[in-house]
Amino acid sequence: QVQLQESGGGLVQPGGSLRLSCAASGRTFSRSVMSWYRQVPGKERELVARIGTAGTIIYYLDSAKGRFTISRDNAKNTVYLQMNSLKPEDTAVYLCRAEPLGAAIAAWGQGTQVTVSS
């Protein structure tokens, strides 16, 4: 099984940038589809970006396209979300998710807070 730990969140001004990291433990990372979700209180969790096992981009949220980039480094067991041109509506807890190929249960991290405010 894989365990996930997000980091890199914080408070930034509109138009600023953050780079989120999700570090994974376990031996299934390289065969896991990885995703970034975000969630605000009272709202459903929203898929932001998804990347395949070998680095192919599977999905970007429409509002994230052109601003966010998902990437992974399988040698470091880490997935990243580079966020540029941040907007107040990007404020949320960002969580990563691992979906091992052939497994029925996905793993979630605890999340990292991103706040975009002037």
C-alpha atoms as a PDB file:
ATOM      1  CA  GLN A   1       0.000   0.000   0.000  1.00  0.00           C
ATOM      2  CA  VAL A   2       1.035   3.603  -0.560  1.00  0.00           C
ATOM      3  CA  GLN A   3       0.912   6.387   2.034  1.00  0.00           C
ATOM      4  CA  LEU A   4       0.844  10.026   0.938  1.00  0.00           C
ATOM      5  CA  GLN A   5       1.985  13.294   2.500  1.00  0.00           C
ATOM      6  CA  GLU A   6       1.277  16.655   0.869  1.00  0.00           C
ATOM      7  CA  SER A   7       3.334  19.792   1.426  1.00  0.00           C
ATOM      8  CA  GLY A   8       3.961  23.192  -0.132  1.00  0.00           C
ATOM      9  CA  GLY A   9       0.733  24.997   0.616  1.00  0.00           C
ATOM     10  CA  GLY A  10       0.555  28.458   2.079  1.00  0.00           C
ATOM     11  CA  LEU A  11      -0.728  31.995   1.729  1.00  0.00           C
ATOM     12  CA  VAL A  12      -0.050  33.776  -1.548  1.00  0.00           C
ATOM     13  CA  GLN A  13      -1.267  36.900  -3.295  1.00  0.00           C
ATOM     14  CA  PRO A  14      -3.454  36.701  -6.385  1.00  0.00           C
ATOM     15  CA  GLY A  15      -1.195  36.131  -9.357  1.00  0.00           C
ATOM     16  CA  GLY A  16       1.371  34.330  -7.247  1.00  0.00           C
ATOM     17  CA  SER A  17       2.668  30.786  -7.504  1.00  0.00           C
ATOM     18  CA  LEU A  18       2.992  27.703  -5.336  1.00  0.00           C
ATOM     19  CA  ARG A  19       4.421  24.263  -5.934  1.00  0.00           C
ATOM     20  CA  LEU A  20       2.718  21.443  -4.084  1.00  0.00           C
ATOM     21  CA  SER A  21       4.434  18.133  -3.448  1.00  0.00           C
ATOM     22  CA  CYS A  22       3.010  14.762  -2.541  1.00  0.00           C
ATOM     23  CA  ALA A  23       5.548  12.300  -1.221  1.00  0.00           C
ATOM     24  CA  ALA A  24       4.618   8.642  -1.289  1.00  0.00           C
ATOM     25  CA  SER A  25       5.854   5.674   0.652  1.00  0.00           C
ATOM     26  CA  GLY A  26       5.448   2.110  -0.422  1.00  0.00           C
ATOM     27  CA  ARG A  27       6.275   0.137  -3.509  1.00  0.00           C
ATOM     28  CA  THR A  28       3.179   0.855  -5.586  1.00  0.00           C
ATOM     29  CA  PHE A  29       3.808   4.509  -6.475  1.00  0.00           C
ATOM     30  CA  SER A  30       5.283   3.868  -9.913  1.00  0.00           C
ATOM     31  CA  ARG A  31       2.239   1.864 -10.937  1.00  0.00           C
ATOM     32  CA  SER A  32      -0.259   4.312  -9.447  1.00  0.00           C
ATOM     33  CA  VAL A  33      -2.257   6.902 -11.313  1.00  0.00           C
ATOM     34  CA  MET A  34      -1.835  10.098  -9.295  1.00  0.00           C
ATOM     35  CA  SER A  35      -4.298  12.939  -8.911  1.00  0.00           C
ATOM     36  CA  TRP A  36      -4.646  16.286  -7.202  1.00  0.00           C
ATOM     37  CA  TYR A  37      -8.029  17.206  -5.793  1.00  0.00           C
ATOM     38  CA  ARG A  38      -9.169  20.261  -3.910  1.00  0.00           C
ATOM     39  CA  GLN A  39     -11.899  20.752  -1.373  1.00  0.00           C
ATOM     40  CA  VAL A  40     -13.535  23.634   0.466  1.00  0.00           C
ATOM     41  CA  PRO A  41     -15.892  23.205   3.442  1.00  0.00           C
ATOM     42  CA  GLY A  42     -19.405  22.305   2.375  1.00  0.00           C
ATOM     43  CA  LYS A  43     -18.398  21.604  -1.219  1.00  0.00           C
ATOM     44  CA  GLU A  44     -17.704  18.370  -3.015  1.00  0.00           C
ATOM     45  CA  ARG A  45     -14.140  17.363  -3.625  1.00  0.00           C
ATOM     46  CA  GLU A  46     -13.036  18.532  -7.078  1.00  0.00           C
ATOM     47  CA  LEU A  47     -10.540  16.824  -9.367  1.00  0.00           C
ATOM     48  CA  VAL A  48      -7.870  19.316 -10.433  1.00  0.00           C
ATOM     49  CA  ALA A  49      -5.363  17.210 -12.363  1.00  0.00           C
ATOM     50  CA  ARG A  50      -4.498  13.578 -13.025  1.00  0.00           C
ATOM     51  CA  ILE A  51      -1.331  11.998 -14.367  1.00  0.00           C
ATOM     52  CA  GLY A  52      -0.658   8.490 -15.590  1.00  0.00           C
ATOM     53  CA  THR A  53       1.986   6.103 -14.356  1.00  0.00           C
ATOM     54  CA  ALA A  54       4.546   7.125 -16.987  1.00  0.00           C
ATOM     55  CA  GLY A  55       3.783  10.841 -16.890  1.00  0.00           C
ATOM     56  CA  THR A  56       1.062  11.210 -19.478  1.00  0.00           C
ATOM     57  CA  ILE A  57      -1.452  13.898 -18.604  1.00  0.00           C
ATOM     58  CA  ILE A  58      -4.901  12.425 -18.156  1.00  0.00           C
ATOM     59  CA  TYR A  59      -6.915  15.424 -16.995  1.00  0.00           C
ATOM     60  CA  TYR A  60      -6.881  19.089 -16.057  1.00  0.00           C
ATOM     61  CA  LEU A  61      -9.776  20.978 -14.576  1.00  0.00           C
ATOM     62  CA  ASP A  62     -10.881  23.577 -17.094  1.00  0.00           C
ATOM     63  CA  SER A  63     -10.142  26.463 -14.740  1.00  0.00           C
ATOM     64  CA  ALA A  64      -6.660  25.045 -14.116  1.00  0.00           C
ATOM     65  CA  LYS A  65      -5.608  24.662 -17.734  1.00  0.00           C
ATOM     66  CA  GLY A  66      -2.784  26.973 -18.682  1.00  0.00           C
ATOM     67  CA  ARG A  67      -2.058  27.784 -15.040  1.00  0.00           C
ATOM     68  CA  PHE A  68      -1.415  24.454 -13.289  1.00  0.00           C
ATOM     69  CA  THR A  69       1.000  21.692 -14.245  1.00  0.00           C
ATOM     70  CA  ILE A  70       0.996  18.202 -12.770  1.00  0.00           C
ATOM     71  CA  SER A  71       4.186  16.164 -12.953  1.00  0.00           C
ATOM     72  CA  ARG A  72       5.775  13.185 -11.258  1.00  0.00           C
ATOM     73  CA  ASP A  73       9.190  11.821 -10.463  1.00  0.00           C
ATOM     74  CA  ASN A  74       8.925   8.091  -9.982  1.00  0.00           C
ATOM     75  CA  ALA A  75      12.536   7.882  -8.803  1.00  0.00           C
ATOM     76  CA  LYS A  76      11.607  10.191  -5.915  1.00  0.00           C
ATOM     77  CA  ASN A  77       8.127   8.746  -5.351  1.00  0.00           C
ATOM     78  CA  THR A  78       6.720  12.262  -5.614  1.00  0.00           C
ATOM     79  CA  VAL A  79       3.998  13.987  -7.579  1.00  0.00           C
ATOM     80  CA  TYR A  80       3.911  17.777  -7.970  1.00  0.00           C
ATOM     81  CA  LEU A  81       1.393  20.445  -8.777  1.00  0.00           C
ATOM     82  CA  GLN A  82       2.895  23.704 -10.008  1.00  0.00           C
ATOM     83  CA  MET A  83       0.288  26.439  -9.624  1.00  0.00           C
ATOM     84  CA  ASN A  84       0.810  29.782 -11.345  1.00  0.00           C
ATOM     85  CA  SER A  85      -1.394  32.844 -11.716  1.00  0.00           C
ATOM     86  CA  LEU A  86      -3.302  31.865  -8.614  1.00  0.00           C
ATOM     87  CA  LYS A  87      -6.752  33.279  -8.037  1.00  0.00           C
ATOM     88  CA  PRO A  88      -8.788  33.636  -4.834  1.00  0.00           C
ATOM     89  CA  GLU A  89     -11.135  30.936  -6.098  1.00  0.00           C
ATOM     90  CA  ASP A  90      -8.198  28.503  -6.002  1.00  0.00           C
ATOM     91  CA  THR A  91      -8.305  28.671  -2.204  1.00  0.00           C
ATOM     92  CA  ALA A  92      -8.878  25.153  -0.892  1.00  0.00           C
ATOM     93  CA  VAL A  93      -7.311  22.182   0.796  1.00  0.00           C
ATOM     94  CA  TYR A  94      -5.396  20.313  -1.881  1.00  0.00           C
ATOM     95  CA  LEU A  95      -5.174  16.548  -1.566  1.00  0.00           C
ATOM     96  CA  CYS A  96      -3.345  13.950  -3.558  1.00  0.00           C
ATOM     97  CA  ARG A  97      -4.700  10.546  -4.440  1.00  0.00           C
ATOM     98  CA  ALA A  98      -3.013   7.351  -5.535  1.00  0.00           C
ATOM     99  CA  GLU A  99      -4.850   4.729  -7.538  1.00  0.00           C
ATOM    100  CA  PRO A 100      -2.664   1.634  -7.879  1.00  0.00           C
ATOM    101  CA  LEU A 101      -3.322  -0.237 -11.079  1.00  0.00           C
ATOM    102  CA  GLY A 102      -5.382  -3.314 -10.361  1.00  0.00           C
ATOM    103  CA  ALA A 103      -6.232  -2.234  -6.815  1.00  0.00           C
ATOM    104  CA  ALA A 104      -9.750  -1.615  -5.586  1.00  0.00           C
ATOM    105  CA  ILE A 105      -8.888   0.964  -2.922  1.00  0.00           C
ATOM    106  CA  ALA A 106      -7.247   4.321  -3.540  1.00  0.00           C
ATOM    107  CA  ALA A 107      -5.072   6.154  -1.020  1.00  0.00           C
ATOM    108  CA  TRP A 108      -5.550   9.775   0.038  1.00  0.00           C
ATOM    109  CA  GLY A 109      -3.207  12.231   1.652  1.00  0.00           C
ATOM    110  CA  GLN A 110      -4.260  14.521   4.480  1.00  0.00           C
ATOM    111  CA  GLY A 111      -4.109  17.671   2.384  1.00  0.00           C
ATOM    112  CA  THR A 112      -2.284  20.984   2.353  1.00  0.00           C
ATOM    113  CA  GLN A 113      -3.993  24.369   2.643  1.00  0.00           C
ATOM    114  CA  VAL A 114      -3.688  26.862  -0.189  1.00  0.00           C
ATOM    115  CA  THR A 115      -4.990  30.363   0.472  1.00  0.00           C
ATOM    116  CA  VAL A 116      -4.956  33.027  -2.233  1.00  0.00           C
ATOM    117  CA  SER A 117      -5.735  36.443  -0.820  1.00  0.00           C
ATOM    118  CA  SER A 118      -4.612  40.036  -1.025  1.00  0.00           C
END
